[in-house]
Amino acid sequence: MDVFDELLLGVRGKGAVFGRSVLWPPWSLRFSDGAYLTLCVPLRGAGWIVPGAGEARHVGLGETAIVRGPAPFCFTDDPVNATATEQPTGVREVRWGEDAPDAADRDLELSCSTVLLAAAYDVREQVPQRLLRALPPVVVVPDEQDCSPMRDYLESQIGGGRPGHQIVLDRLLDWLLVCTLRDWFDRPEAEPPGWYGALGDEVAGPVLRAIHEDPAHPWTTAELASRAGVSRTTLAKRFTELVGTGPVAYLTEWRMTLAADLLTRPELTVAAVARRVGYADAFGFSAAFKRLRGESPSTYRREAAATPVPDRAVPAG
């Protein structure tokens, strides 16, 4: 599996996490659900995203915005007077479920200047956060390549009443999110983590792919160097320059990231998690986990289980 695919595999919409807002000026729509990511797609008109901190960003038709939470933000027609803490104004929320929209809802939408489609993502897994933490507070990406035709098809599916309607919408939104993220990280202004750029390097790239393909393998620097076709010294120097850490240290960090997500599965014991990430016994794994993450696997598991799932409902007018 491609490393980018692996990192975003757990970022999936589920259930009624999207909303379609019909907006008349002056309007301001506040998002305060604490989502890790929010996808904002103008289907008509344009607006400004005003985050809790940082500059406002314009989002127009043909663009997609991703806002990194959990801080509140607002989508508004007036970035000067709007704040991320004000109450919604000028908003009518059109929620279309399994049944097709009635004529009144269609007429309502056609008469307004702006329609916003928004989807909230609660990303609790540690694996995708390794990539998503590199995002700025607000990302605005023009539709390009394979992302562009998706918007029209997505809009056509919103009012459908066919079986599997919700699942189709969830997957379409996932597709749009992943396309937008991929386009963003390919842009010159993006600042992806070092390992992301190193994937294309002729020395570090094969090593990174080997680690991700089989993290439980007992890799040594010598074996990884043979994968890259270079000496151990050359590998250590090149890998550290691009990634910021040595290959074995990166392997340990990646194993602990995988372990953090596995520990949220109650059916797996700590010993089972240890074996899945390449440790022969729970003691050695626990010591490595506590050294890198500052707490024992058991403590991490208890805290993860006690963390409530945030309300992922989209904003209402």
Protein backbone atom coordinates (compact mmCIF):
# COMPACT_ATOMS: atom_id res chain seq x y z
CA MET A 1 0.00 0.00 0.00
CA ASP A 2 1.21 3.51 -0.80
CA VAL A 3 2.35 5.40 2.32
CA PHE A 4 -0.04 8.29 1.62
CA ASP A 5 -2.92 5.80 1.26
CA GLU A 6 -1.96 4.08 4.50
CA LEU A 7 -1.86 7.32 6.46
CA LEU A 8 -5.30 8.46 5.30
CA LEU A 9 -7.01 5.07 5.41
CA GLY A 10 -8.66 5.87 8.74
CA VAL A 11 -9.99 9.30 7.71
CA ARG A 12 -13.55 8.41 6.82
CA GLY A 13 -16.90 10.12 7.12
CA LYS A 14 -19.60 8.13 8.84
CA GLY A 15 -23.29 8.92 9.11
CA ALA A 16 -24.93 12.34 9.01
CA VAL A 17 -21.75 14.39 9.28
CA PHE A 18 -22.56 16.77 6.45
CA GLY A 19 -24.86 19.73 6.07
CA ARG A 20 -26.00 22.01 3.29
CA SER A 21 -26.47 25.63 4.35
CA VAL A 22 -28.44 28.16 2.30
CA LEU A 23 -27.17 31.66 3.07
CA TRP A 24 -28.46 35.22 2.55
CA PRO A 25 -26.36 38.32 3.22
CA PRO A 26 -25.50 39.39 5.76
CA TRP A 27 -24.71 35.89 6.98
CA SER A 28 -22.32 34.14 9.34
CA LEU A 29 -22.22 30.40 10.03
CA ARG A 30 -20.36 29.27 13.15
CA PHE A 31 -18.66 25.88 13.50
CA SER A 32 -18.03 24.88 17.11
CA ASP A 33 -18.31 21.08 17.15
CA GLY A 34 -14.60 20.55 17.84
CA ALA A 35 -14.01 18.42 14.74
CA TYR A 36 -10.42 17.55 13.91
CA LEU A 37 -11.04 18.52 10.27
CA THR A 38 -13.91 20.32 8.57
CA LEU A 39 -14.38 20.23 4.80
CA CYS A 40 -16.08 23.34 3.34
CA VAL A 41 -17.27 23.30 -0.27
CA PRO A 42 -19.18 26.29 -1.74
CA LEU A 43 -21.74 24.90 -4.19
CA ARG A 44 -22.86 28.43 -5.06
CA GLY A 45 -21.33 31.80 -4.29
CA ALA A 46 -18.35 32.36 -2.02
CA GLY A 47 -17.42 33.36 1.51
CA TRP A 48 -14.64 33.86 4.03
CA ILE A 49 -13.38 31.42 6.65
CA VAL A 50 -12.50 33.26 9.86
CA PRO A 51 -10.54 30.99 12.23
CA GLY A 52 -10.19 31.57 15.94
CA ALA A 53 -6.60 32.67 15.31
CA GLY A 54 -4.93 33.69 12.09
CA GLU A 55 -6.00 35.45 8.92
CA ALA A 56 -9.34 35.08 7.18
CA ARG A 57 -9.25 33.09 3.93
CA HIS A 58 -11.54 33.56 0.93
CA VAL A 59 -13.19 30.44 -0.49
CA GLY A 60 -14.94 30.69 -3.83
CA LEU A 61 -16.80 28.49 -6.23
CA GLY A 62 -14.42 25.90 -7.62
CA GLU A 63 -12.37 25.80 -4.42
CA THR A 64 -12.38 23.50 -1.41
CA ALA A 65 -11.30 24.48 2.09
CA ILE A 66 -10.08 22.26 4.92
CA VAL A 67 -10.07 23.75 8.42
CA ARG A 68 -8.03 22.04 11.12
CA GLY A 69 -9.72 22.02 14.52
CA PRO A 70 -10.71 21.74 17.21
CA ALA A 71 -10.94 25.53 17.63
CA PRO A 72 -14.21 27.13 16.42
CA PHE A 73 -14.37 29.13 13.20
CA CYS A 74 -17.01 30.77 11.06
CA PHE A 75 -17.90 30.99 7.38
CA THR A 76 -19.14 34.48 6.57
CA ASP A 77 -19.71 37.08 3.88
CA ASP A 78 -17.98 39.80 5.95
CA PRO A 79 -14.54 38.90 7.36
CA VAL A 80 -14.12 42.38 8.91
CA ASN A 81 -17.04 42.22 11.31
CA ALA A 82 -17.39 38.46 11.78
CA THR A 83 -15.68 36.46 14.53
CA ALA A 84 -15.46 32.76 15.21
CA THR A 85 -17.48 33.18 18.42
CA GLU A 86 -20.58 34.97 17.15
CA GLN A 87 -23.97 33.36 16.70
CA PRO A 88 -25.17 32.25 13.24
CA THR A 89 -27.16 34.78 11.21
CA GLY A 90 -28.78 34.74 7.78
CA VAL A 91 -28.72 30.93 7.63
CA ARG A 92 -31.28 28.30 6.71
CA GLU A 93 -30.07 24.74 7.14
CA VAL A 94 -31.43 22.39 4.45
CA ARG A 95 -31.10 18.81 5.65
CA TRP A 96 -31.98 16.22 3.06
CA GLY A 97 -32.25 12.68 4.28
CA GLU A 98 -33.36 9.53 2.54
CA ASP A 99 -36.21 11.29 0.75
CA ALA A 100 -35.74 13.66 -2.17
CA PRO A 101 -36.11 17.38 -1.33
CA ASP A 102 -39.46 18.98 -1.88
CA ALA A 103 -40.14 21.86 -4.26
CA ALA A 104 -39.98 24.45 -1.46
CA ASP A 105 -36.42 23.46 -0.58
CA ARG A 106 -35.40 23.56 -4.23
CA ASP A 107 -36.95 27.01 -4.69
CA LEU A 108 -35.29 28.18 -1.48
CA GLU A 109 -31.86 27.17 -2.67
CA LEU A 110 -32.26 28.61 -6.15
CA SER A 111 -33.20 32.03 -4.72
CA CYS A 112 -30.12 32.46 -2.51
CA SER A 113 -26.65 33.72 -3.36
CA THR A 114 -24.56 31.19 -1.43
CA VAL A 115 -24.86 27.47 -0.67
CA LEU A 116 -22.23 25.75 1.48
CA LEU A 117 -21.68 22.02 1.84
CA ALA A 118 -19.75 21.15 5.01
CA ALA A 119 -18.52 17.85 6.44
CA ALA A 120 -16.93 17.29 9.86
CA TYR A 121 -14.28 14.62 10.50
CA ASP A 122 -13.39 13.33 13.96
CA VAL A 123 -9.88 11.95 13.39
CA ARG A 124 -8.93 10.16 16.58
CA GLU A 125 -6.40 7.75 15.05
CA GLN A 126 -2.71 8.57 15.49
CA VAL A 127 -1.65 7.26 12.06
CA PRO A 128 -3.41 9.90 9.92
CA GLN A 129 -2.51 12.62 12.41
CA ARG A 130 1.15 12.15 11.45
CA LEU A 131 0.26 13.74 8.11
CA LEU A 132 -2.62 16.00 9.10
CA ARG A 133 -0.65 17.77 11.85
CA ALA A 134 1.40 19.37 9.07
CA LEU A 135 -1.64 21.26 7.77
CA PRO A 136 -1.97 24.99 8.45
CA PRO A 137 -5.14 26.14 10.27
CA VAL A 138 -6.92 26.75 6.93
CA VAL A 139 -6.15 25.19 3.54
CA VAL A 140 -7.83 26.48 0.37
CA VAL A 141 -7.23 24.45 -2.79
CA PRO A 142 -8.62 25.09 -6.29
CA ASP A 143 -10.28 22.12 -7.96
CA GLU A 144 -7.74 20.53 -10.25
CA GLN A 145 -7.29 17.28 -12.13
CA ASP A 146 -9.55 14.50 -10.80
CA CYS A 147 -11.09 16.61 -7.99
CA SER A 148 -12.99 18.96 -10.31
CA PRO A 149 -15.72 16.69 -11.77
CA MET A 150 -16.42 15.23 -8.35
CA ARG A 151 -18.21 18.33 -7.09
CA ASP A 152 -21.00 18.18 -9.66
CA TYR A 153 -21.56 14.49 -9.04
CA LEU A 154 -21.54 15.01 -5.28
CA GLU A 155 -24.17 17.74 -5.55
CA SER A 156 -26.35 15.54 -7.77
CA GLN A 157 -26.31 12.78 -5.14
CA ILE A 158 -27.31 14.90 -2.14
CA GLY A 159 -31.01 14.84 -2.86
CA GLY A 160 -31.20 11.22 -3.93
CA GLY A 161 -33.39 8.68 -2.18
CA ARG A 162 -31.86 5.50 -3.56
CA PRO A 163 -30.72 2.67 -1.25
CA GLY A 164 -27.28 3.30 0.22
CA HIS A 165 -27.72 7.06 -0.13
CA GLN A 166 -25.80 7.91 3.07
CA ILE A 167 -22.90 5.56 2.35
CA VAL A 168 -22.50 7.02 -1.14
CA LEU A 169 -22.36 10.55 0.27
CA ASP A 170 -19.86 9.56 2.95
CA ARG A 171 -17.51 7.99 0.42
CA LEU A 172 -17.84 10.89 -2.03
CA LEU A 173 -16.92 13.34 0.72
CA ASP A 174 -13.98 11.12 1.70
CA TRP A 175 -12.86 11.11 -1.92
CA LEU A 176 -13.06 14.89 -2.13
CA LEU A 177 -11.16 15.29 1.14
CA VAL A 178 -8.33 12.99 0.08
CA CYS A 179 -8.07 14.61 -3.37
CA THR A 180 -7.89 18.04 -1.75
CA LEU A 181 -5.20 16.93 0.69
CA ARG A 182 -3.16 15.34 -2.08
CA ASP A 183 -3.37 18.47 -4.21
CA TRP A 184 -2.42 20.65 -1.24
CA PHE A 185 0.73 18.69 -0.37
CA ASP A 186 1.81 18.91 -4.02
CA ARG A 187 1.59 22.71 -3.97
CA PRO A 188 4.78 24.80 -3.50
CA GLU A 189 3.41 26.66 -0.47
CA ALA A 190 2.73 23.43 1.45
CA GLU A 191 5.14 22.41 4.19
CA PRO A 192 4.77 18.64 4.48
CA PRO A 193 6.76 16.70 7.08
CA GLY A 194 10.27 15.68 6.09
CA TRP A 195 9.42 12.02 5.56
CA TYR A 196 6.73 12.98 3.00
CA GLY A 197 9.27 14.60 0.69
CA ALA A 198 11.78 11.83 1.39
CA LEU A 199 9.48 9.24 -0.17
CA GLY A 200 10.72 10.34 -3.60
CA ASP A 201 14.39 10.16 -2.67
CA GLU A 202 16.38 7.30 -4.21
CA VAL A 203 18.03 6.48 -0.87
CA ALA A 204 15.46 7.29 1.82
CA GLY A 205 12.39 6.38 -0.26
CA PRO A 206 12.98 2.61 -0.48
CA VAL A 207 13.77 2.50 3.25
CA LEU A 208 10.60 4.35 4.23
CA ARG A 209 8.49 2.09 2.05
CA ALA A 210 10.10 -1.02 3.51
CA ILE A 211 9.42 0.16 7.07
CA HIS A 212 5.79 0.93 6.29
CA GLU A 213 5.21 -2.31 4.40
CA ASP A 214 6.47 -4.48 7.28
CA PRO A 215 6.94 -2.52 10.52
CA ALA A 216 7.08 -5.69 12.64
CA HIS A 217 10.17 -6.98 10.81
CA PRO A 218 13.36 -6.85 12.93
CA TRP A 219 15.00 -4.26 10.71
CA THR A 220 18.65 -3.33 11.21
CA THR A 221 20.49 -0.40 9.71
CA ALA A 222 22.52 -2.81 7.60
CA GLU A 223 19.44 -4.50 6.17
CA LEU A 224 17.74 -1.19 5.43
CA ALA A 225 20.92 0.09 3.78
CA SER A 226 20.92 -2.94 1.50
CA ARG A 227 17.36 -2.07 0.45
CA ALA A 228 18.62 1.35 -0.64
CA GLY A 229 21.80 -0.05 -2.21
CA VAL A 230 24.11 2.14 -0.13
CA SER A 231 26.37 1.83 2.89
CA ARG A 232 25.06 2.19 6.43
CA THR A 233 26.90 5.50 6.81
CA THR A 234 25.41 6.89 3.63
CA LEU A 235 21.91 5.78 4.61
CA ALA A 236 22.15 7.24 8.12
CA LYS A 237 23.42 10.57 6.80
CA ARG A 238 20.92 10.92 3.95
CA PHE A 239 17.92 9.67 5.93
CA THR A 240 18.63 11.99 8.86
CA GLU A 241 19.09 14.97 6.53
CA LEU A 242 15.69 14.45 4.90
CA VAL A 243 13.56 12.98 7.69
CA GLY A 244 15.15 14.56 10.75
CA THR A 245 15.94 11.31 12.52
CA GLY A 246 17.79 8.07 11.80
CA PRO A 247 16.06 5.07 10.15
CA VAL A 248 15.93 2.93 13.29
CA ALA A 249 14.57 5.82 15.37
CA TYR A 250 11.95 6.46 12.67
CA LEU A 251 11.02 2.76 12.74
CA THR A 252 10.49 2.90 16.51
CA GLU A 253 8.40 6.06 16.24
CA TRP A 254 6.23 4.52 13.50
CA ARG A 255 5.74 1.35 15.54
CA MET A 256 4.56 3.39 18.53
CA THR A 257 2.14 5.30 16.31
CA LEU A 258 0.65 2.05 15.07
CA ALA A 259 0.56 0.71 18.62
CA ALA A 260 -1.35 3.75 19.88
CA ASP A 261 -4.19 2.98 17.47
CA LEU A 262 -4.10 -0.75 18.21
CA LEU A 263 -4.37 -0.04 21.95
CA THR A 264 -7.81 1.50 21.39
CA ARG A 265 -9.07 -1.95 20.39
CA PRO A 266 -10.21 -3.63 23.61
CA GLU A 267 -9.97 -7.15 22.17
CA LEU A 268 -6.18 -6.85 21.87
CA THR A 269 -4.00 -7.33 24.95
CA VAL A 270 -0.87 -5.24 25.42
CA ALA A 271 1.18 -8.35 24.59
CA ALA A 272 -0.77 -8.85 21.35
CA VAL A 273 -0.18 -5.22 20.37
CA ALA A 274 3.52 -5.65 21.16
CA ARG A 275 3.80 -8.63 18.81
CA ARG A 276 1.97 -6.81 16.02
CA VAL A 277 4.50 -4.00 16.02
CA GLY A 278 7.59 -6.17 16.24
CA TYR A 279 8.30 -6.70 19.95
CA ALA A 280 8.80 -10.18 21.37
CA ASP A 281 7.44 -9.30 24.80
CA ALA A 282 5.20 -6.72 26.41
CA PHE A 283 7.95 -5.47 28.75
CA GLY A 284 10.25 -4.19 26.00
CA PHE A 285 7.31 -2.72 24.12
CA SER A 286 5.96 -0.95 27.21
CA ALA A 287 9.35 0.58 27.95
CA ALA A 288 9.66 1.90 24.36
CA PHE A 289 6.09 3.19 24.36
CA LYS A 290 6.52 5.07 27.64
CA ARG A 291 9.86 6.52 26.51
CA LEU A 292 8.39 7.96 23.32
CA ARG A 293 4.86 8.84 24.42
CA GLY A 294 5.35 9.67 28.07
CA GLU A 295 2.91 7.12 29.51
CA SER A 296 2.49 3.38 29.69
CA PRO A 297 0.36 1.47 27.16
CA SER A 298 -2.19 0.65 29.86
CA THR A 299 -2.54 4.29 30.87
CA TYR A 300 -2.88 5.36 27.26
CA ARG A 301 -5.57 2.74 26.70
CA ARG A 302 -7.59 3.89 29.73
CA GLU A 303 -7.38 7.54 28.73
CA ALA A 304 -8.36 6.80 25.12
CA ALA A 305 -11.37 4.79 26.26
CA ALA A 306 -12.48 7.60 28.58
CA THR A 307 -12.21 10.32 25.91
CA PRO A 308 -15.72 11.20 24.70
CA VAL A 309 -16.49 11.33 21.00
CA PRO A 310 -17.24 14.98 20.09
CA ASP A 311 -20.59 15.99 18.69
CA ARG A 312 -20.00 15.93 14.94
CA ALA A 313 -23.26 17.59 13.97
CA VAL A 314 -22.84 20.35 11.42
CA PRO A 315 -23.89 23.87 12.42
CA ALA A 316 -27.53 24.77 12.42
CA GLY A 317 -28.99 28.14 11.67
